[in-house]
């Protein structure tokens, strides 16, 4: 299955081509697509197949690391890390609408941050959300991100530039979270190596 990590409730793994139909069903939803920059709408199975087919090359190049989010063995969304030419890492995520308001976005995004820090060696992680996507702003703020600016960026689903808010989270000191308290960012991220115990620092990932 190429499992990458486990959190308390979620499994993060590489996507497979057989996920195409499920991805299409989750993404062909205006409430999901309009909140993302690169997702087209309507979203067809051909879109899903093309996106999934790009993953091996993206990972091999070190540019992008997309991960499927599973809950109870069911694919419910995606998270991942994009590495820009500047070397800066940016996280992104989406959750299928039936699973909104359950804390899954926060849990998955926390795992993506751990991946950026521990697997990719990033010193800081950035994120962007549309200004009208208040839920994503709350998720990122809860995780310790702080606003750094704003911009207008293209939204493929809306076919126009939209007002976006830029955020940044610096790697915390070892053994501390963003507030300087003990436990670390990845409390709640379950290691796939260390007997699936709850991690107390950024060690929730293994190579795959």
N, C-alpha and C. Protein backbone atom coordinates (compact mmCIF):
# COMPACT_ATOMS: atom_id res chain seq x y z
N UNK A 1 0.82 -1.21 0.00
CA UNK A 1 0.00 0.00 0.00
C UNK A 1 0.85 1.26 0.00
N UNK A 2 2.17 1.12 0.26
CA UNK A 2 3.07 2.26 0.33
C UNK A 2 2.59 3.28 1.37
N UNK A 3 2.31 2.75 2.55
CA UNK A 3 1.91 3.61 3.65
C UNK A 3 3.07 4.50 4.06
N UNK A 4 2.80 5.78 4.27
CA UNK A 4 3.83 6.74 4.64
C UNK A 4 3.74 7.09 6.11
N UNK A 5 2.54 7.23 6.65
CA UNK A 5 2.39 7.61 8.05
C UNK A 5 1.01 7.27 8.55
N UNK A 6 0.91 7.19 9.88
CA UNK A 6 -0.38 7.08 10.55
C UNK A 6 -0.49 8.19 11.58
N UNK A 7 -1.67 8.75 11.69
CA UNK A 7 -1.99 9.65 12.79
C UNK A 7 -2.99 8.90 13.67
N UNK A 8 -3.58 9.60 14.61
CA UNK A 8 -4.53 8.92 15.49
C UNK A 8 -5.69 8.28 14.72
N UNK A 9 -6.17 8.97 13.68
CA UNK A 9 -7.35 8.47 12.97
C UNK A 9 -7.12 8.23 11.49
N UNK A 10 -5.99 8.65 10.96
CA UNK A 10 -5.79 8.66 9.52
C UNK A 10 -4.57 7.85 9.11
N UNK A 11 -4.62 7.36 7.89
CA UNK A 11 -3.45 6.77 7.23
C UNK A 11 -3.12 7.61 6.01
N UNK A 12 -1.85 7.96 5.85
CA UNK A 12 -1.38 8.68 4.67
C UNK A 12 -0.54 7.71 3.84
N UNK A 13 -0.85 7.66 2.54
CA UNK A 13 -0.16 6.73 1.64
C UNK A 13 -0.03 7.37 0.27
N UNK A 14 0.78 6.74 -0.58
CA UNK A 14 0.83 7.15 -1.98
C UNK A 14 -0.50 6.81 -2.65
N UNK A 15 -0.89 7.64 -3.59
CA UNK A 15 -2.07 7.33 -4.41
C UNK A 15 -1.75 6.17 -5.35
N UNK A 16 -2.81 5.47 -5.78
CA UNK A 16 -2.71 4.41 -6.77
C UNK A 16 -3.63 4.76 -7.93
N UNK A 17 -3.36 4.20 -9.10
CA UNK A 17 -4.20 4.50 -10.25
C UNK A 17 -5.64 4.05 -10.03
N UNK A 18 -5.84 3.01 -9.25
CA UNK A 18 -7.21 2.56 -9.00
C UNK A 18 -8.00 3.52 -8.11
N UNK A 19 -7.35 4.58 -7.61
CA UNK A 19 -8.05 5.61 -6.85
C UNK A 19 -8.78 6.61 -7.75
N UNK A 20 -8.61 6.49 -9.06
CA UNK A 20 -9.09 7.54 -9.97
C UNK A 20 -10.59 7.80 -9.83
N UNK A 21 -11.38 6.75 -9.79
CA UNK A 21 -12.82 6.95 -9.73
C UNK A 21 -13.23 7.61 -8.41
N UNK A 22 -12.57 7.21 -7.33
CA UNK A 22 -12.88 7.80 -6.03
C UNK A 22 -12.45 9.27 -5.99
N UNK A 23 -11.27 9.57 -6.52
CA UNK A 23 -10.81 10.96 -6.57
C UNK A 23 -11.79 11.81 -7.36
N UNK A 24 -12.24 11.29 -8.50
CA UNK A 24 -13.19 12.05 -9.32
C UNK A 24 -14.48 12.33 -8.56
N UNK A 25 -14.98 11.34 -7.84
CA UNK A 25 -16.23 11.52 -7.10
C UNK A 25 -16.08 12.58 -6.01
N UNK A 26 -14.93 12.62 -5.34
CA UNK A 26 -14.72 13.60 -4.27
C UNK A 26 -14.46 15.00 -4.81
N UNK A 27 -13.75 15.08 -5.94
CA UNK A 27 -13.33 16.38 -6.46
C UNK A 27 -14.37 17.04 -7.36
N UNK A 28 -15.27 16.28 -7.91
CA UNK A 28 -16.29 16.87 -8.77
C UNK A 28 -17.40 17.48 -7.91
N UNK A 29 -16.98 18.42 -7.09
CA UNK A 29 -17.84 19.08 -6.11
C UNK A 29 -17.42 20.54 -6.06
N UNK A 30 -18.31 21.42 -6.43
CA UNK A 30 -17.98 22.84 -6.47
C UNK A 30 -17.48 23.35 -5.12
N UNK A 31 -18.03 22.85 -4.04
CA UNK A 31 -17.63 23.33 -2.72
C UNK A 31 -16.19 22.96 -2.38
N UNK A 32 -15.68 21.91 -2.99
CA UNK A 32 -14.28 21.54 -2.83
C UNK A 32 -13.42 22.30 -3.84
N UNK A 33 -13.76 22.21 -5.11
CA UNK A 33 -12.90 22.74 -6.17
C UNK A 33 -12.71 24.25 -6.07
N UNK A 34 -13.74 24.99 -5.70
CA UNK A 34 -13.63 26.44 -5.68
C UNK A 34 -12.69 26.95 -4.60
N UNK A 35 -12.33 26.10 -3.65
CA UNK A 35 -11.43 26.49 -2.57
C UNK A 35 -9.97 26.20 -2.88
N UNK A 36 -9.71 25.60 -4.05
CA UNK A 36 -8.35 25.19 -4.41
C UNK A 36 -7.88 25.92 -5.66
N UNK A 37 -6.57 26.03 -5.79
CA UNK A 37 -6.01 26.80 -6.90
C UNK A 37 -5.98 26.02 -8.21
N UNK A 38 -5.60 24.74 -8.16
CA UNK A 38 -5.29 24.02 -9.39
C UNK A 38 -6.33 22.99 -9.81
N UNK A 39 -7.35 22.80 -9.01
CA UNK A 39 -8.34 21.77 -9.33
C UNK A 39 -9.38 22.31 -10.30
N UNK A 40 -9.55 21.68 -11.47
CA UNK A 40 -10.57 22.14 -12.42
C UNK A 40 -11.98 21.73 -11.97
N UNK A 41 -12.96 22.36 -12.57
CA UNK A 41 -14.36 21.99 -12.33
C UNK A 41 -15.16 22.29 -13.59
N UNK A 42 -15.99 21.36 -14.05
CA UNK A 42 -16.21 20.02 -13.52
C UNK A 42 -14.92 19.17 -13.55
N UNK A 43 -14.87 18.18 -12.65
CA UNK A 43 -13.69 17.33 -12.51
C UNK A 43 -14.04 15.93 -13.01
N UNK A 44 -13.39 15.52 -14.09
CA UNK A 44 -13.72 14.26 -14.74
C UNK A 44 -12.77 13.15 -14.30
N UNK A 45 -13.11 11.92 -14.65
CA UNK A 45 -12.22 10.81 -14.36
C UNK A 45 -10.91 10.95 -15.13
N UNK A 46 -10.97 11.56 -16.31
CA UNK A 46 -9.75 11.80 -17.08
C UNK A 46 -8.82 12.77 -16.33
N UNK A 47 -9.39 13.78 -15.69
CA UNK A 47 -8.58 14.68 -14.86
C UNK A 47 -7.89 13.88 -13.75
N UNK A 48 -8.64 13.01 -13.10
CA UNK A 48 -8.08 12.22 -12.00
C UNK A 48 -6.95 11.32 -12.50
N UNK A 49 -7.16 10.65 -13.62
CA UNK A 49 -6.14 9.74 -14.16
C UNK A 49 -4.87 10.51 -14.51
N UNK A 50 -5.02 11.65 -15.15
CA UNK A 50 -3.84 12.46 -15.52
C UNK A 50 -3.09 12.92 -14.28
N UNK A 51 -3.83 13.34 -13.25
CA UNK A 51 -3.18 13.79 -12.01
C UNK A 51 -2.44 12.65 -11.34
N UNK A 52 -3.08 11.50 -11.20
CA UNK A 52 -2.43 10.36 -10.56
C UNK A 52 -1.20 9.89 -11.35
N UNK A 53 -1.28 9.95 -12.66
CA UNK A 53 -0.17 9.52 -13.50
C UNK A 53 1.06 10.41 -13.36
N UNK A 54 0.86 11.62 -12.85
CA UNK A 54 1.98 12.57 -12.70
C UNK A 54 2.75 12.38 -11.40
N UNK A 55 2.26 11.56 -10.50
CA UNK A 55 2.83 11.52 -9.15
C UNK A 55 4.23 10.94 -9.08
N UNK A 56 4.49 9.86 -9.80
CA UNK A 56 5.81 9.24 -9.73
C UNK A 56 6.89 10.22 -10.17
N UNK A 57 6.65 10.91 -11.28
CA UNK A 57 7.64 11.87 -11.78
C UNK A 57 7.80 13.04 -10.81
N UNK A 58 6.68 13.50 -10.24
CA UNK A 58 6.75 14.63 -9.30
C UNK A 58 7.59 14.27 -8.08
N UNK A 59 7.37 13.06 -7.55
CA UNK A 59 8.17 12.64 -6.39
C UNK A 59 9.64 12.46 -6.76
N UNK A 60 9.89 11.84 -7.92
CA UNK A 60 11.27 11.59 -8.33
C UNK A 60 12.05 12.89 -8.52
N UNK A 61 11.37 13.92 -8.98
CA UNK A 61 12.03 15.20 -9.20
C UNK A 61 12.23 16.00 -7.92
N UNK A 62 11.57 15.55 -6.84
CA UNK A 62 11.65 16.29 -5.58
C UNK A 62 10.79 17.54 -5.55
N UNK A 63 9.90 17.68 -6.55
CA UNK A 63 9.08 18.90 -6.63
C UNK A 63 7.82 18.83 -5.79
N UNK A 64 7.23 17.62 -5.73
CA UNK A 64 5.92 17.53 -5.11
C UNK A 64 5.71 16.13 -4.55
N UNK A 65 5.04 16.07 -3.40
CA UNK A 65 4.84 14.80 -2.70
C UNK A 65 3.37 14.69 -2.28
N UNK A 66 2.50 14.26 -3.21
CA UNK A 66 1.07 14.12 -2.90
C UNK A 66 0.80 12.84 -2.12
N UNK A 67 -0.11 12.93 -1.16
CA UNK A 67 -0.44 11.79 -0.31
C UNK A 67 -1.95 11.65 -0.20
N UNK A 68 -2.41 10.42 -0.29
CA UNK A 68 -3.82 10.12 -0.08
C UNK A 68 -4.09 10.06 1.41
N UNK A 69 -5.27 10.54 1.82
CA UNK A 69 -5.71 10.49 3.21
C UNK A 69 -6.80 9.43 3.31
N UNK A 70 -6.60 8.45 4.18
CA UNK A 70 -7.60 7.42 4.41
C UNK A 70 -8.10 7.48 5.85
N UNK A 71 -9.38 7.24 6.02
CA UNK A 71 -9.99 7.08 7.34
C UNK A 71 -10.78 5.78 7.32
N UNK A 72 -10.43 4.86 8.22
CA UNK A 72 -11.11 3.58 8.24
C UNK A 72 -10.99 2.82 6.94
N UNK A 73 -9.86 2.97 6.24
CA UNK A 73 -9.64 2.30 4.97
C UNK A 73 -10.31 2.95 3.79
N UNK A 74 -10.92 4.12 3.99
CA UNK A 74 -11.66 4.81 2.93
C UNK A 74 -10.93 6.10 2.55
N UNK A 75 -10.70 6.29 1.26
CA UNK A 75 -10.06 7.51 0.77
C UNK A 75 -10.99 8.70 0.96
N UNK A 76 -10.52 9.72 1.71
CA UNK A 76 -11.38 10.87 2.01
C UNK A 76 -10.78 12.20 1.57
N UNK A 77 -9.55 12.20 1.07
CA UNK A 77 -8.95 13.48 0.67
C UNK A 77 -7.49 13.33 0.32
N UNK A 78 -6.80 14.46 0.31
CA UNK A 78 -5.39 14.48 -0.07
C UNK A 78 -4.67 15.58 0.68
N UNK A 79 -3.40 15.33 0.97
CA UNK A 79 -2.52 16.36 1.47
C UNK A 79 -1.18 16.19 0.77
N UNK A 80 -0.25 17.06 1.02
CA UNK A 80 1.05 16.92 0.39
C UNK A 80 1.91 18.15 0.56
N UNK A 81 3.10 18.06 0.01
CA UNK A 81 4.08 19.14 0.10
C UNK A 81 4.61 19.44 -1.29
N UNK A 82 4.66 20.71 -1.62
CA UNK A 82 5.27 21.17 -2.87
C UNK A 82 6.55 21.93 -2.52
N UNK A 83 7.64 21.61 -3.22
CA UNK A 83 8.91 22.29 -2.99
C UNK A 83 9.15 23.27 -4.13
N UNK A 84 9.22 24.55 -3.81
CA UNK A 84 9.42 25.59 -4.82
C UNK A 84 10.89 25.70 -5.21
N UNK A 85 11.15 26.39 -6.30
CA UNK A 85 12.53 26.55 -6.77
C UNK A 85 13.40 27.24 -5.73
N UNK A 86 12.80 28.05 -4.88
CA UNK A 86 13.54 28.73 -3.82
C UNK A 86 13.96 27.76 -2.72
N UNK A 87 13.44 26.54 -2.75
CA UNK A 87 13.71 25.57 -1.71
C UNK A 87 12.67 25.58 -0.60
N UNK A 88 11.75 26.51 -0.67
CA UNK A 88 10.72 26.63 0.35
C UNK A 88 9.63 25.58 0.14
N UNK A 89 9.16 24.98 1.22
CA UNK A 89 8.13 23.96 1.15
C UNK A 89 6.76 24.57 1.43
N UNK A 90 5.75 24.15 0.65
CA UNK A 90 4.38 24.61 0.84
C UNK A 90 3.48 23.40 1.01
N UNK A 91 2.63 23.41 2.03
CA UNK A 91 1.69 22.31 2.21
C UNK A 91 0.34 22.67 1.60
N UNK A 92 -0.39 21.65 1.25
CA UNK A 92 -1.75 21.81 0.76
C UNK A 92 -2.58 20.62 1.19
N UNK A 93 -3.89 20.74 1.10
CA UNK A 93 -4.76 19.65 1.50
C UNK A 93 -6.18 19.92 1.02
N UNK A 94 -6.95 18.85 0.86
CA UNK A 94 -8.39 18.96 0.69
C UNK A 94 -9.04 17.72 1.27
N UNK A 95 -10.24 17.90 1.77
CA UNK A 95 -11.02 16.82 2.36
C UNK A 95 -12.37 16.78 1.64
N UNK A 96 -12.83 15.56 1.30
CA UNK A 96 -14.16 15.43 0.70
C UNK A 96 -15.24 15.99 1.62
N UNK A 97 -16.24 16.64 1.02
CA UNK A 97 -17.23 17.36 1.83
C UNK A 97 -17.92 16.51 2.89
N UNK A 98 -18.23 15.22 2.65
CA UNK A 98 -18.90 14.46 3.71
C UNK A 98 -18.08 14.33 4.99
N UNK A 99 -16.78 14.61 4.94
CA UNK A 99 -15.90 14.47 6.11
C UNK A 99 -15.45 15.81 6.67
N UNK A 100 -16.10 16.89 6.29
CA UNK A 100 -15.76 18.20 6.85
C UNK A 100 -16.19 18.27 8.31
N UNK A 101 -15.57 19.22 9.02
CA UNK A 101 -15.94 19.54 10.40
C UNK A 101 -15.72 18.39 11.37
N UNK A 102 -14.74 17.54 11.07
CA UNK A 102 -14.39 16.45 11.98
C UNK A 102 -12.93 16.52 12.43
N UNK A 103 -12.23 17.61 12.06
CA UNK A 103 -10.83 17.75 12.44
C UNK A 103 -9.85 17.00 11.56
N UNK A 104 -10.33 16.40 10.46
CA UNK A 104 -9.44 15.62 9.61
C UNK A 104 -8.43 16.52 8.87
N UNK A 105 -8.85 17.71 8.45
CA UNK A 105 -7.92 18.61 7.75
C UNK A 105 -6.77 19.00 8.66
N UNK A 106 -7.07 19.31 9.92
CA UNK A 106 -6.02 19.67 10.88
C UNK A 106 -5.06 18.51 11.08
N UNK A 107 -5.60 17.32 11.26
CA UNK A 107 -4.78 16.13 11.51
C UNK A 107 -3.89 15.81 10.31
N UNK A 108 -4.45 15.90 9.11
CA UNK A 108 -3.67 15.60 7.91
C UNK A 108 -2.62 16.68 7.65
N UNK A 109 -2.99 17.94 7.84
CA UNK A 109 -2.03 19.02 7.61
C UNK A 109 -0.87 18.95 8.60
N UNK A 110 -1.16 18.58 9.84
CA UNK A 110 -0.09 18.40 10.83
C UNK A 110 0.90 17.34 10.36
N UNK A 111 0.37 16.25 9.80
CA UNK A 111 1.25 15.20 9.28
C UNK A 111 2.07 15.69 8.10
N UNK A 112 1.47 16.51 7.22
CA UNK A 112 2.21 17.06 6.08
C UNK A 112 3.34 17.97 6.55
N UNK A 113 3.10 18.73 7.61
CA UNK A 113 4.16 19.58 8.17
C UNK A 113 5.30 18.71 8.68
N UNK A 114 4.96 17.65 9.38
CA UNK A 114 5.99 16.71 9.87
C UNK A 114 6.82 16.16 8.72
N UNK A 115 6.14 15.81 7.63
CA UNK A 115 6.83 15.30 6.45
C UNK A 115 7.82 16.34 5.91
N UNK A 116 7.39 17.59 5.83
CA UNK A 116 8.26 18.66 5.31
C UNK A 116 9.48 18.86 6.20
N UNK A 117 9.28 18.85 7.49
CA UNK A 117 10.39 19.09 8.42
C UNK A 117 11.33 17.89 8.50
N UNK A 118 10.76 16.70 8.67
CA UNK A 118 11.60 15.54 8.95
C UNK A 118 12.09 14.82 7.70
N UNK A 119 11.25 14.68 6.71
CA UNK A 119 11.65 13.96 5.49
C UNK A 119 12.40 14.88 4.53
N UNK A 120 11.95 16.13 4.41
CA UNK A 120 12.54 17.04 3.43
C UNK A 120 13.54 18.01 4.05
N UNK A 121 13.61 18.08 5.36
CA UNK A 121 14.57 18.95 6.03
C UNK A 121 14.25 20.43 5.93
N UNK A 122 13.00 20.77 5.74
CA UNK A 122 12.60 22.18 5.62
C UNK A 122 12.76 22.90 6.94
N UNK A 123 13.17 24.16 6.87
CA UNK A 123 13.27 24.99 8.07
C UNK A 123 11.98 25.75 8.34
N UNK A 124 11.15 25.90 7.32
CA UNK A 124 9.87 26.58 7.46
C UNK A 124 8.93 26.04 6.39
N UNK A 125 7.66 26.15 6.67
CA UNK A 125 6.63 25.68 5.75
C UNK A 125 5.66 26.83 5.50
N UNK A 126 5.24 26.98 4.26
CA UNK A 126 4.26 28.01 3.92
C UNK A 126 2.93 27.35 3.53
N UNK A 127 1.91 28.16 3.48
CA UNK A 127 0.59 27.72 3.03
C UNK A 127 -0.16 28.94 2.51
N UNK A 128 -1.13 28.69 1.65
CA UNK A 128 -1.95 29.76 1.07
C UNK A 128 -3.40 29.31 1.13
N UNK A 129 -4.29 30.22 1.50
CA UNK A 129 -5.71 29.90 1.39
C UNK A 129 -6.47 31.09 0.82
N UNK A 130 -7.55 30.80 0.12
CA UNK A 130 -8.40 31.86 -0.40
C UNK A 130 -8.98 32.66 0.77
N UNK A 131 -9.05 33.95 0.60
CA UNK A 131 -9.51 34.81 1.69
C UNK A 131 -10.91 34.47 2.16
N UNK A 132 -11.73 33.91 1.27
CA UNK A 132 -13.10 33.55 1.67
C UNK A 132 -13.20 32.13 2.22
N UNK A 133 -12.07 31.44 2.34
CA UNK A 133 -12.05 30.09 2.91
C UNK A 133 -11.62 30.19 4.38
N UNK A 134 -12.55 30.64 5.21
CA UNK A 134 -12.23 30.90 6.61
C UNK A 134 -11.89 29.62 7.36
N UNK A 135 -12.50 28.49 6.96
CA UNK A 135 -12.23 27.23 7.65
C UNK A 135 -10.75 26.84 7.52
N UNK A 136 -10.18 27.02 6.32
CA UNK A 136 -8.78 26.69 6.13
C UNK A 136 -7.89 27.62 6.93
N UNK A 137 -8.26 28.88 7.01
CA UNK A 137 -7.51 29.82 7.84
C UNK A 137 -7.49 29.39 9.30
N UNK A 138 -8.62 28.88 9.79
CA UNK A 138 -8.68 28.41 11.18
C UNK A 138 -7.80 27.18 11.39
N UNK A 139 -7.81 26.27 10.40
CA UNK A 139 -6.97 25.08 10.49
C UNK A 139 -5.50 25.48 10.60
N UNK A 140 -5.06 26.34 9.73
CA UNK A 140 -3.65 26.71 9.68
C UNK A 140 -3.23 27.51 10.91
N UNK A 141 -4.09 28.40 11.36
CA UNK A 141 -3.78 29.17 12.57
C UNK A 141 -3.66 28.25 13.77
N UNK A 142 -4.55 27.27 13.87
CA UNK A 142 -4.50 26.30 14.97
C UNK A 142 -3.18 25.54 14.98
N UNK A 143 -2.63 25.30 13.79
CA UNK A 143 -1.37 24.55 13.68
C UNK A 143 -0.14 25.42 13.94
N UNK A 144 -0.33 26.72 14.07
CA UNK A 144 0.79 27.60 14.39
C UNK A 144 1.23 28.51 13.27
N UNK A 145 0.57 28.46 12.10
CA UNK A 145 0.91 29.36 11.00
C UNK A 145 0.52 30.79 11.35
N UNK A 146 1.29 31.73 10.79
CA UNK A 146 0.99 33.15 10.98
C UNK A 146 0.95 33.82 9.61
N UNK A 147 0.10 34.82 9.47
CA UNK A 147 -0.07 35.51 8.19
C UNK A 147 1.15 36.36 7.86
N UNK A 148 1.55 36.31 6.59
CA UNK A 148 2.73 37.06 6.14
C UNK A 148 2.42 38.01 4.99
N UNK A 149 1.26 37.90 4.37
CA UNK A 149 0.96 38.78 3.24
C UNK A 149 -0.28 38.33 2.52
N UNK A 150 -0.52 38.93 1.37
CA UNK A 150 -1.67 38.58 0.55
C UNK A 150 -1.30 38.70 -0.92
N UNK A 151 -2.11 38.12 -1.76
CA UNK A 151 -1.81 38.09 -3.19
C UNK A 151 -3.10 37.77 -3.93
N UNK A 152 -3.09 37.93 -5.24
CA UNK A 152 -4.19 37.47 -6.08
C UNK A 152 -3.63 36.36 -6.96
N UNK A 153 -4.25 35.17 -6.87
CA UNK A 153 -3.74 34.00 -7.58
C UNK A 153 -4.86 33.32 -8.34
N UNK A 154 -4.46 32.63 -9.40
CA UNK A 154 -5.43 31.98 -10.28
C UNK A 154 -6.11 30.81 -9.59
N UNK A 155 -7.41 30.71 -9.74
CA UNK A 155 -8.20 29.57 -9.29
C UNK A 155 -8.78 28.91 -10.53
N UNK A 156 -8.35 27.68 -10.80
CA UNK A 156 -8.75 26.99 -12.04
C UNK A 156 -10.26 26.76 -12.08
N UNK A 157 -10.85 26.39 -10.96
CA UNK A 157 -12.29 26.11 -10.93
C UNK A 157 -13.11 27.37 -11.20
N UNK A 158 -12.71 28.49 -10.61
CA UNK A 158 -13.45 29.74 -10.78
C UNK A 158 -13.09 30.45 -12.07
N UNK A 159 -11.94 30.06 -12.65
CA UNK A 159 -11.44 30.68 -13.88
C UNK A 159 -11.21 32.16 -13.71
N UNK A 160 -10.62 32.51 -12.58
CA UNK A 160 -10.29 33.91 -12.30
C UNK A 160 -9.27 33.97 -11.16
N UNK A 161 -8.65 35.13 -11.03
CA UNK A 161 -7.76 35.34 -9.89
C UNK A 161 -8.59 35.67 -8.66
N UNK A 162 -8.17 35.12 -7.52
CA UNK A 162 -8.90 35.35 -6.28
C UNK A 162 -7.95 35.89 -5.22
N UNK A 163 -8.52 36.56 -4.26
CA UNK A 163 -7.76 37.12 -3.15
C UNK A 163 -7.28 35.99 -2.25
N UNK A 164 -5.96 35.88 -2.05
CA UNK A 164 -5.36 34.82 -1.25
C UNK A 164 -4.56 35.40 -0.09
N UNK A 165 -4.53 34.65 0.99
CA UNK A 165 -3.76 35.03 2.18
C UNK A 165 -2.59 34.06 2.34
N UNK A 166 -1.40 34.60 2.58
CA UNK A 166 -0.17 33.83 2.67
C UNK A 166 0.19 33.61 4.13
N UNK A 167 0.66 32.39 4.45
CA UNK A 167 0.99 32.05 5.83
C UNK A 167 2.33 31.31 5.88
N UNK A 168 2.91 31.31 7.07
CA UNK A 168 4.22 30.67 7.24
C UNK A 168 4.31 30.10 8.64
N UNK A 169 4.99 28.95 8.74
CA UNK A 169 5.24 28.31 10.03
C UNK A 169 6.70 27.90 10.08
N UNK A 170 7.47 28.42 11.05
CA UNK A 170 8.88 28.09 11.18
C UNK A 170 9.04 26.82 12.01
N UNK A 171 10.04 26.05 11.65
CA UNK A 171 10.31 24.80 12.37
C UNK A 171 10.56 25.09 13.84
N UNK A 172 9.82 24.44 14.76
CA UNK A 172 10.04 24.69 16.18
C UNK A 172 11.32 24.04 16.66
N UNK A 173 11.84 24.55 17.78
CA UNK A 173 13.01 23.92 18.38
C UNK A 173 12.67 22.51 18.81
N UNK A 174 13.67 21.64 18.83
CA UNK A 174 13.45 20.23 19.18
C UNK A 174 12.78 20.13 20.54
N UNK A 175 11.70 19.32 20.60
CA UNK A 175 11.01 19.08 21.84
C UNK A 175 10.02 20.15 22.23
N UNK A 176 9.76 21.13 21.34
CA UNK A 176 8.81 22.19 21.65
C UNK A 176 7.86 22.35 20.49
N UNK A 177 6.69 22.92 20.79
CA UNK A 177 5.78 23.27 19.72
C UNK A 177 5.91 24.75 19.44
N UNK A 178 5.02 25.31 18.63
CA UNK A 178 5.16 26.70 18.21
C UNK A 178 5.04 27.67 19.36
N UNK A 179 4.48 27.23 20.50
CA UNK A 179 4.37 28.11 21.66
C UNK A 179 5.53 27.91 22.62
N UNK A 180 6.47 27.01 22.26
CA UNK A 180 7.61 26.76 23.11
C UNK A 180 7.31 25.78 24.22
N UNK A 181 6.22 25.07 24.14
CA UNK A 181 5.86 24.12 25.18
C UNK A 181 6.26 22.72 24.77
N UNK A 182 6.36 21.84 25.73
CA UNK A 182 6.81 20.48 25.48
C UNK A 182 5.75 19.71 24.68
N UNK A 183 6.18 18.78 23.92
CA UNK A 183 5.39 17.76 23.21
C UNK A 183 5.67 17.75 21.73
N UNK A 184 5.92 18.91 21.11
CA UNK A 184 6.27 18.92 19.70
C UNK A 184 5.08 18.96 18.79
N UNK A 185 5.31 19.41 17.56
CA UNK A 185 4.23 19.59 16.59
C UNK A 185 3.52 18.29 16.28
N UNK A 186 4.25 17.20 16.30
CA UNK A 186 3.66 15.96 15.82
C UNK A 186 3.04 15.13 16.91
N UNK A 187 2.74 15.72 18.07
CA UNK A 187 1.93 14.96 19.02
C UNK A 187 0.64 14.63 18.31
N UNK A 188 0.22 13.42 18.36
CA UNK A 188 -0.93 13.01 17.57
C UNK A 188 -0.54 12.35 16.27
N UNK A 189 0.74 12.36 15.90
CA UNK A 189 1.18 11.67 14.68
C UNK A 189 1.79 10.33 15.08
N UNK A 190 1.22 9.23 14.64
CA UNK A 190 1.63 7.90 15.07
C UNK A 190 2.71 7.36 14.14
N UNK A 191 3.86 7.02 14.70
CA UNK A 191 4.97 6.51 13.91
C UNK A 191 4.65 5.16 13.31
N UNK A 192 5.01 4.98 12.04
CA UNK A 192 4.84 3.66 11.41
C UNK A 192 6.03 2.77 11.69
N UNK A 193 7.04 3.28 12.34
CA UNK A 193 8.22 2.49 12.65
C UNK A 193 8.22 2.07 14.11
N UNK A 194 7.99 3.00 14.99
CA UNK A 194 8.17 2.77 16.42
C UNK A 194 6.91 2.22 17.05
N UNK A 195 6.52 1.01 16.62
CA UNK A 195 5.39 0.28 17.20
C UNK A 195 4.10 1.08 17.19
N UNK A 196 3.98 2.03 16.24
CA UNK A 196 2.79 2.84 16.09
C UNK A 196 2.42 3.58 17.39
N UNK A 197 3.44 3.95 18.15
CA UNK A 197 3.22 4.73 19.36
C UNK A 197 2.98 6.18 18.96
N UNK A 198 2.26 6.95 19.81
CA UNK A 198 2.08 8.37 19.54
C UNK A 198 3.43 9.06 19.58
N UNK A 199 3.75 9.79 18.51
CA UNK A 199 5.02 10.50 18.45
C UNK A 199 4.95 11.73 19.34
N UNK A 200 6.09 12.07 19.95
CA UNK A 200 6.17 13.28 20.75
C UNK A 200 7.09 14.30 20.13
N UNK A 201 7.59 13.99 18.95
CA UNK A 201 8.35 14.96 18.17
C UNK A 201 8.10 14.62 16.70
N UNK A 202 8.80 15.26 15.80
CA UNK A 202 8.50 15.10 14.38
C UNK A 202 9.13 13.82 13.82
N UNK A 203 8.57 12.67 14.21
CA UNK A 203 9.15 11.41 13.76
C UNK A 203 8.07 10.50 13.20
N UNK A 204 7.00 11.04 12.68
CA UNK A 204 5.90 10.21 12.24
C UNK A 204 6.01 9.65 10.84
N UNK A 205 7.17 9.75 10.20
CA UNK A 205 7.28 9.33 8.81
C UNK A 205 8.45 8.40 8.59
N UNK A 206 8.31 7.54 7.61
CA UNK A 206 9.40 6.70 7.14
C UNK A 206 9.52 6.86 5.63
N UNK A 207 10.64 6.50 5.10
CA UNK A 207 10.82 6.54 3.65
C UNK A 207 9.99 5.45 3.01
N UNK A 208 9.56 5.70 1.77
CA UNK A 208 8.78 4.68 1.05
C UNK A 208 9.21 4.68 -0.40
